[in-house]
Amino acid sequence: MTYSADFRAQVIKSVKNKDMTIREACTFYNISKTALQRWLKNPTIKQTRDKPPSKIPNEALLKDVEQYPDDYMYERALRLGCSKSGIEIALKRLGISQKKDIGTSKSLSDKKS
């Protein structure tokens, strides 16, 4: 969970105005010293992570999807040695989703009626 921009600005203001030291601000606002030092360098809130994927390489997953396009996520997880939820997150990261055939369900209902 991230702290709001208002709260960050208030903490930074109290330290920069020399009202409090870094240690005093950390104990008063109940935040870590590392977080406060990071805020003093760059007070903006990060929206994305710069860390590359570590467990499931993008190339291996793309190759697996190309080889086995109709497999379930748990089957991919067994082949790549990770969890099903990890495969789900990696597929979402790459923008790959299941293809849906909308025409099938409509054609079945027309035949029944």
N, C-alpha and C. Protein backbone atom coordinates (compact mmCIF):
# COMPACT_ATOMS: atom_id res chain seq x y z
N MET A 1 0.84 -1.17 0.00
CA MET A 1 0.00 0.00 0.00
C MET A 1 0.89 1.24 0.00
N THR A 2 0.56 2.21 -0.81
CA THR A 2 1.34 3.44 -0.87
C THR A 2 0.69 4.52 -0.02
N TYR A 3 1.53 5.44 0.41
CA TYR A 3 1.03 6.59 1.15
C TYR A 3 0.53 7.64 0.16
N SER A 4 -0.45 8.41 0.56
CA SER A 4 -1.01 9.42 -0.34
C SER A 4 -0.01 10.56 -0.56
N ALA A 5 -0.23 11.28 -1.64
CA ALA A 5 0.66 12.40 -1.98
C ALA A 5 0.56 13.51 -0.94
N ASP A 6 -0.63 13.70 -0.35
CA ASP A 6 -0.80 14.73 0.69
C ASP A 6 0.05 14.41 1.92
N PHE A 7 -0.01 13.14 2.34
CA PHE A 7 0.75 12.71 3.51
C PHE A 7 2.24 12.85 3.26
N ARG A 8 2.69 12.43 2.07
CA ARG A 8 4.11 12.56 1.72
C ARG A 8 4.56 14.02 1.78
N ALA A 9 3.73 14.90 1.20
CA ALA A 9 4.07 16.32 1.18
C ALA A 9 4.16 16.89 2.59
N GLN A 10 3.27 16.45 3.47
CA GLN A 10 3.26 16.93 4.85
C GLN A 10 4.53 16.50 5.58
N VAL A 11 4.93 15.24 5.39
CA VAL A 11 6.13 14.73 6.05
C VAL A 11 7.37 15.44 5.52
N ILE A 12 7.45 15.59 4.20
CA ILE A 12 8.60 16.25 3.58
C ILE A 12 8.70 17.71 4.04
N LYS A 13 7.56 18.37 4.13
CA LYS A 13 7.53 19.77 4.56
C LYS A 13 8.05 19.92 5.99
N SER A 14 7.64 19.00 6.87
CA SER A 14 8.09 19.09 8.26
C SER A 14 9.59 18.84 8.39
N VAL A 15 10.17 18.03 7.52
CA VAL A 15 11.61 17.78 7.57
C VAL A 15 12.38 18.93 6.93
N LYS A 16 11.90 19.43 5.79
CA LYS A 16 12.63 20.50 5.09
C LYS A 16 12.57 21.84 5.81
N ASN A 17 11.50 22.07 6.56
CA ASN A 17 11.39 23.32 7.33
C ASN A 17 12.19 23.27 8.62
N LYS A 18 12.92 22.20 8.82
CA LYS A 18 13.75 21.99 10.02
C LYS A 18 12.92 21.92 11.30
N ASP A 19 11.63 21.60 11.16
CA ASP A 19 10.80 21.40 12.35
C ASP A 19 11.16 20.11 13.05
N MET A 20 11.51 19.07 12.24
CA MET A 20 11.85 17.76 12.78
C MET A 20 13.07 17.21 12.05
N THR A 21 13.78 16.33 12.75
CA THR A 21 14.84 15.59 12.08
C THR A 21 14.20 14.40 11.37
N ILE A 22 14.98 13.69 10.60
CA ILE A 22 14.44 12.53 9.89
C ILE A 22 13.97 11.47 10.88
N ARG A 23 14.76 11.24 11.92
CA ARG A 23 14.38 10.23 12.93
C ARG A 23 13.09 10.63 13.65
N GLU A 24 12.99 11.88 14.03
CA GLU A 24 11.79 12.35 14.72
C GLU A 24 10.56 12.22 13.83
N ALA A 25 10.71 12.58 12.57
CA ALA A 25 9.58 12.47 11.63
C ALA A 25 9.16 11.02 11.45
N CYS A 26 10.14 10.13 11.39
CA CYS A 26 9.82 8.70 11.22
C CYS A 26 9.05 8.15 12.41
N THR A 27 9.44 8.51 13.61
CA THR A 27 8.72 8.02 14.78
C THR A 27 7.36 8.71 14.92
N PHE A 28 7.29 10.01 14.62
CA PHE A 28 6.04 10.73 14.76
C PHE A 28 5.00 10.25 13.75
N TYR A 29 5.40 10.09 12.49
CA TYR A 29 4.47 9.68 11.44
C TYR A 29 4.40 8.16 11.25
N ASN A 30 5.21 7.43 11.99
CA ASN A 30 5.23 5.97 11.95
C ASN A 30 5.53 5.44 10.53
N ILE A 31 6.62 5.92 9.97
CA ILE A 31 7.09 5.45 8.67
C ILE A 31 8.55 5.03 8.79
N SER A 32 9.03 4.30 7.81
CA SER A 32 10.42 3.85 7.87
C SER A 32 11.37 4.95 7.41
N LYS A 33 12.59 4.84 7.89
CA LYS A 33 13.61 5.82 7.52
C LYS A 33 13.94 5.73 6.03
N THR A 34 13.96 4.53 5.51
CA THR A 34 14.25 4.32 4.09
C THR A 34 13.19 4.98 3.21
N ALA A 35 11.93 4.82 3.59
CA ALA A 35 10.85 5.42 2.82
C ALA A 35 10.97 6.94 2.81
N LEU A 36 11.25 7.52 3.95
CA LEU A 36 11.37 8.97 4.03
C LEU A 36 12.55 9.48 3.21
N GLN A 37 13.66 8.80 3.26
CA GLN A 37 14.82 9.22 2.46
C GLN A 37 14.52 9.11 0.96
N ARG A 38 13.78 8.09 0.57
CA ARG A 38 13.37 7.93 -0.83
C ARG A 38 12.44 9.06 -1.24
N TRP A 39 11.53 9.45 -0.35
CA TRP A 39 10.59 10.55 -0.64
C TRP A 39 11.33 11.87 -0.78
N LEU A 40 12.37 12.07 0.04
CA LEU A 40 13.12 13.31 -0.05
C LEU A 40 13.86 13.43 -1.38
N LYS A 41 14.29 12.30 -1.93
CA LYS A 41 14.94 12.31 -3.24
C LYS A 41 13.93 12.50 -4.36
N ASN A 42 12.82 11.76 -4.28
CA ASN A 42 11.81 11.81 -5.34
C ASN A 42 10.43 11.62 -4.71
N PRO A 43 9.66 12.69 -4.51
CA PRO A 43 8.38 12.59 -3.81
C PRO A 43 7.23 12.02 -4.65
N THR A 44 7.43 11.77 -5.93
CA THR A 44 6.32 11.28 -6.76
C THR A 44 6.02 9.82 -6.46
N ILE A 45 4.79 9.44 -6.71
CA ILE A 45 4.35 8.06 -6.49
C ILE A 45 4.60 7.27 -7.77
N LYS A 46 5.27 6.14 -7.66
CA LYS A 46 5.56 5.30 -8.82
C LYS A 46 4.30 4.55 -9.22
N GLN A 47 4.07 4.46 -10.52
CA GLN A 47 2.90 3.74 -11.03
C GLN A 47 3.28 2.36 -11.59
N THR A 48 4.54 2.19 -11.99
CA THR A 48 4.97 0.92 -12.56
C THR A 48 6.26 0.46 -11.89
N ARG A 49 6.55 -0.81 -12.09
CA ARG A 49 7.79 -1.38 -11.60
C ARG A 49 8.79 -1.48 -12.75
N ASP A 50 10.05 -1.27 -12.44
CA ASP A 50 11.09 -1.38 -13.45
C ASP A 50 11.78 -2.75 -13.41
N LYS A 51 11.30 -3.63 -12.56
CA LYS A 51 11.93 -4.93 -12.39
C LYS A 51 11.48 -5.87 -13.51
N PRO A 52 12.42 -6.54 -14.17
CA PRO A 52 12.04 -7.48 -15.22
C PRO A 52 11.45 -8.75 -14.61
N PRO A 53 10.67 -9.52 -15.39
CA PRO A 53 10.11 -10.77 -14.86
C PRO A 53 11.23 -11.74 -14.51
N SER A 54 11.13 -12.38 -13.35
CA SER A 54 12.22 -13.24 -12.91
C SER A 54 11.87 -14.73 -12.98
N LYS A 55 10.65 -15.10 -12.71
CA LYS A 55 10.30 -16.51 -12.65
C LYS A 55 9.97 -17.07 -14.03
N ILE A 56 9.17 -16.36 -14.80
CA ILE A 56 8.74 -16.86 -16.12
C ILE A 56 9.29 -15.92 -17.19
N PRO A 57 10.29 -16.36 -17.94
CA PRO A 57 10.82 -15.50 -19.00
C PRO A 57 9.79 -15.30 -20.11
N ASN A 58 9.72 -14.10 -20.65
CA ASN A 58 8.75 -13.78 -21.69
C ASN A 58 8.93 -14.67 -22.92
N GLU A 59 10.19 -14.89 -23.31
CA GLU A 59 10.45 -15.67 -24.52
C GLU A 59 9.95 -17.10 -24.37
N ALA A 60 10.20 -17.72 -23.20
CA ALA A 60 9.77 -19.10 -22.97
C ALA A 60 8.25 -19.20 -22.99
N LEU A 61 7.57 -18.24 -22.41
CA LEU A 61 6.11 -18.26 -22.39
C LEU A 61 5.54 -18.06 -23.79
N LEU A 62 6.10 -17.14 -24.55
CA LEU A 62 5.63 -16.92 -25.92
C LEU A 62 5.84 -18.16 -26.78
N LYS A 63 6.97 -18.82 -26.59
CA LYS A 63 7.24 -20.05 -27.35
C LYS A 63 6.24 -21.14 -26.96
N ASP A 64 5.93 -21.24 -25.67
CA ASP A 64 4.98 -22.24 -25.19
C ASP A 64 3.58 -21.97 -25.73
N VAL A 65 3.18 -20.71 -25.76
CA VAL A 65 1.85 -20.36 -26.29
C VAL A 65 1.79 -20.65 -27.78
N GLU A 66 2.90 -20.43 -28.48
CA GLU A 66 2.95 -20.70 -29.91
C GLU A 66 2.88 -22.21 -30.19
N GLN A 67 3.57 -22.99 -29.36
CA GLN A 67 3.59 -24.45 -29.55
C GLN A 67 2.28 -25.10 -29.14
N TYR A 68 1.74 -24.68 -28.01
CA TYR A 68 0.52 -25.28 -27.46
C TYR A 68 -0.53 -24.19 -27.25
N PRO A 69 -1.20 -23.74 -28.30
CA PRO A 69 -2.12 -22.60 -28.15
C PRO A 69 -3.38 -22.91 -27.35
N ASP A 70 -3.81 -24.17 -27.28
CA ASP A 70 -5.08 -24.49 -26.62
C ASP A 70 -4.91 -25.08 -25.22
N ASP A 71 -3.72 -25.04 -24.66
CA ASP A 71 -3.50 -25.64 -23.35
C ASP A 71 -4.06 -24.77 -22.23
N TYR A 72 -4.37 -25.46 -21.13
CA TYR A 72 -4.82 -24.76 -19.93
C TYR A 72 -3.63 -24.16 -19.19
N MET A 73 -3.93 -23.22 -18.29
CA MET A 73 -2.85 -22.55 -17.56
C MET A 73 -2.10 -23.52 -16.66
N TYR A 74 -2.78 -24.49 -16.06
CA TYR A 74 -2.09 -25.42 -15.18
C TYR A 74 -1.14 -26.31 -15.96
N GLU A 75 -1.44 -26.60 -17.23
CA GLU A 75 -0.54 -27.39 -18.06
C GLU A 75 0.72 -26.58 -18.40
N ARG A 76 0.54 -25.30 -18.69
CA ARG A 76 1.70 -24.43 -18.94
C ARG A 76 2.54 -24.32 -17.68
N ALA A 77 1.88 -24.21 -16.53
CA ALA A 77 2.60 -24.08 -15.27
C ALA A 77 3.46 -25.31 -14.99
N LEU A 78 2.94 -26.49 -15.30
CA LEU A 78 3.73 -27.71 -15.11
C LEU A 78 4.96 -27.71 -16.01
N ARG A 79 4.79 -27.31 -17.26
CA ARG A 79 5.92 -27.30 -18.19
C ARG A 79 6.97 -26.27 -17.82
N LEU A 80 6.53 -25.08 -17.36
CA LEU A 80 7.47 -24.01 -17.06
C LEU A 80 7.93 -23.99 -15.61
N GLY A 81 7.37 -24.87 -14.78
CA GLY A 81 7.81 -24.99 -13.39
C GLY A 81 7.43 -23.83 -12.51
N CYS A 82 6.18 -23.40 -12.60
CA CYS A 82 5.70 -22.30 -11.76
C CYS A 82 4.23 -22.54 -11.42
N SER A 83 3.59 -21.55 -10.83
CA SER A 83 2.20 -21.70 -10.43
C SER A 83 1.24 -21.25 -11.53
N LYS A 84 0.00 -21.69 -11.41
CA LYS A 84 -1.03 -21.31 -12.39
C LYS A 84 -1.30 -19.81 -12.34
N SER A 85 -1.31 -19.25 -11.14
CA SER A 85 -1.54 -17.81 -11.03
C SER A 85 -0.38 -17.01 -11.61
N GLY A 86 0.83 -17.56 -11.53
CA GLY A 86 1.99 -16.91 -12.14
C GLY A 86 1.86 -16.87 -13.65
N ILE A 87 1.35 -17.96 -14.23
CA ILE A 87 1.12 -17.99 -15.68
C ILE A 87 0.05 -16.97 -16.05
N GLU A 88 -0.98 -16.88 -15.24
CA GLU A 88 -2.07 -15.93 -15.51
C GLU A 88 -1.55 -14.49 -15.53
N ILE A 89 -0.71 -14.15 -14.56
CA ILE A 89 -0.15 -12.80 -14.48
C ILE A 89 0.78 -12.54 -15.66
N ALA A 90 1.59 -13.54 -16.02
CA ALA A 90 2.53 -13.36 -17.13
C ALA A 90 1.80 -13.21 -18.45
N LEU A 91 0.72 -13.97 -18.66
CA LEU A 91 -0.05 -13.83 -19.89
C LEU A 91 -0.71 -12.45 -19.96
N LYS A 92 -1.18 -11.97 -18.83
CA LYS A 92 -1.79 -10.64 -18.80
C LYS A 92 -0.74 -9.57 -19.09
N ARG A 93 0.47 -9.77 -18.55
CA ARG A 93 1.56 -8.82 -18.78
C ARG A 93 1.90 -8.74 -20.27
N LEU A 94 1.83 -9.88 -20.96
CA LEU A 94 2.15 -9.92 -22.39
C LEU A 94 0.97 -9.56 -23.28
N GLY A 95 -0.21 -9.39 -22.69
CA GLY A 95 -1.39 -9.01 -23.46
C GLY A 95 -2.02 -10.16 -24.21
N ILE A 96 -1.82 -11.38 -23.72
CA ILE A 96 -2.39 -12.57 -24.36
C ILE A 96 -3.63 -12.98 -23.58
N SER A 97 -4.75 -13.13 -24.31
CA SER A 97 -5.98 -13.57 -23.66
C SER A 97 -6.58 -14.72 -24.45
N GLN A 98 -7.51 -15.40 -23.82
CA GLN A 98 -8.18 -16.53 -24.46
C GLN A 98 -9.10 -16.01 -25.57
N LYS A 99 -9.05 -16.67 -26.70
CA LYS A 99 -9.92 -16.28 -27.81
C LYS A 99 -11.31 -16.84 -27.55
N LYS A 100 -12.30 -16.00 -27.68
CA LYS A 100 -13.67 -16.41 -27.41
C LYS A 100 -14.44 -16.48 -28.72
N ASP A 101 -15.19 -17.54 -28.89
CA ASP A 101 -15.99 -17.72 -30.09
C ASP A 101 -17.43 -17.40 -29.74
N ILE A 102 -17.83 -16.20 -30.04
CA ILE A 102 -19.17 -15.74 -29.67
C ILE A 102 -20.24 -16.42 -30.52
N GLY A 103 -19.92 -16.72 -31.75
CA GLY A 103 -20.90 -17.30 -32.66
C GLY A 103 -21.40 -18.68 -32.24
N THR A 104 -20.62 -19.43 -31.51
CA THR A 104 -20.99 -20.79 -31.14
C THR A 104 -22.23 -20.81 -30.25
N SER A 105 -22.22 -20.01 -29.21
CA SER A 105 -23.34 -20.05 -28.27
C SER A 105 -24.64 -19.57 -28.94
N LYS A 106 -24.55 -18.60 -29.81
CA LYS A 106 -25.75 -18.11 -30.48
C LYS A 106 -26.30 -19.14 -31.46
N SER A 107 -25.40 -19.82 -32.14
CA SER A 107 -25.87 -20.82 -33.10
C SER A 107 -26.51 -22.02 -32.42
N LEU A 108 -26.03 -22.38 -31.25
CA LEU A 108 -26.64 -23.48 -30.50
C LEU A 108 -28.04 -23.10 -30.05
N SER A 109 -28.22 -21.89 -29.57
CA SER A 109 -29.54 -21.49 -29.09
C SER A 109 -30.53 -21.40 -30.25
N ASP A 110 -30.06 -21.03 -31.46
CA ASP A 110 -30.96 -20.97 -32.63
C ASP A 110 -31.40 -22.37 -33.05
N LYS A 111 -30.51 -23.33 -32.98
CA LYS A 111 -30.84 -24.70 -33.38
C LYS A 111 -31.84 -25.33 -32.39
N LYS A 112 -31.68 -25.01 -31.12
CA LYS A 112 -32.59 -25.58 -30.13
C LYS A 112 -33.99 -25.03 -30.28
N SER A 113 -34.11 -23.78 -30.64
CA SER A 113 -35.44 -23.17 -30.76
C SER A 113 -35.98 -23.44 -32.13
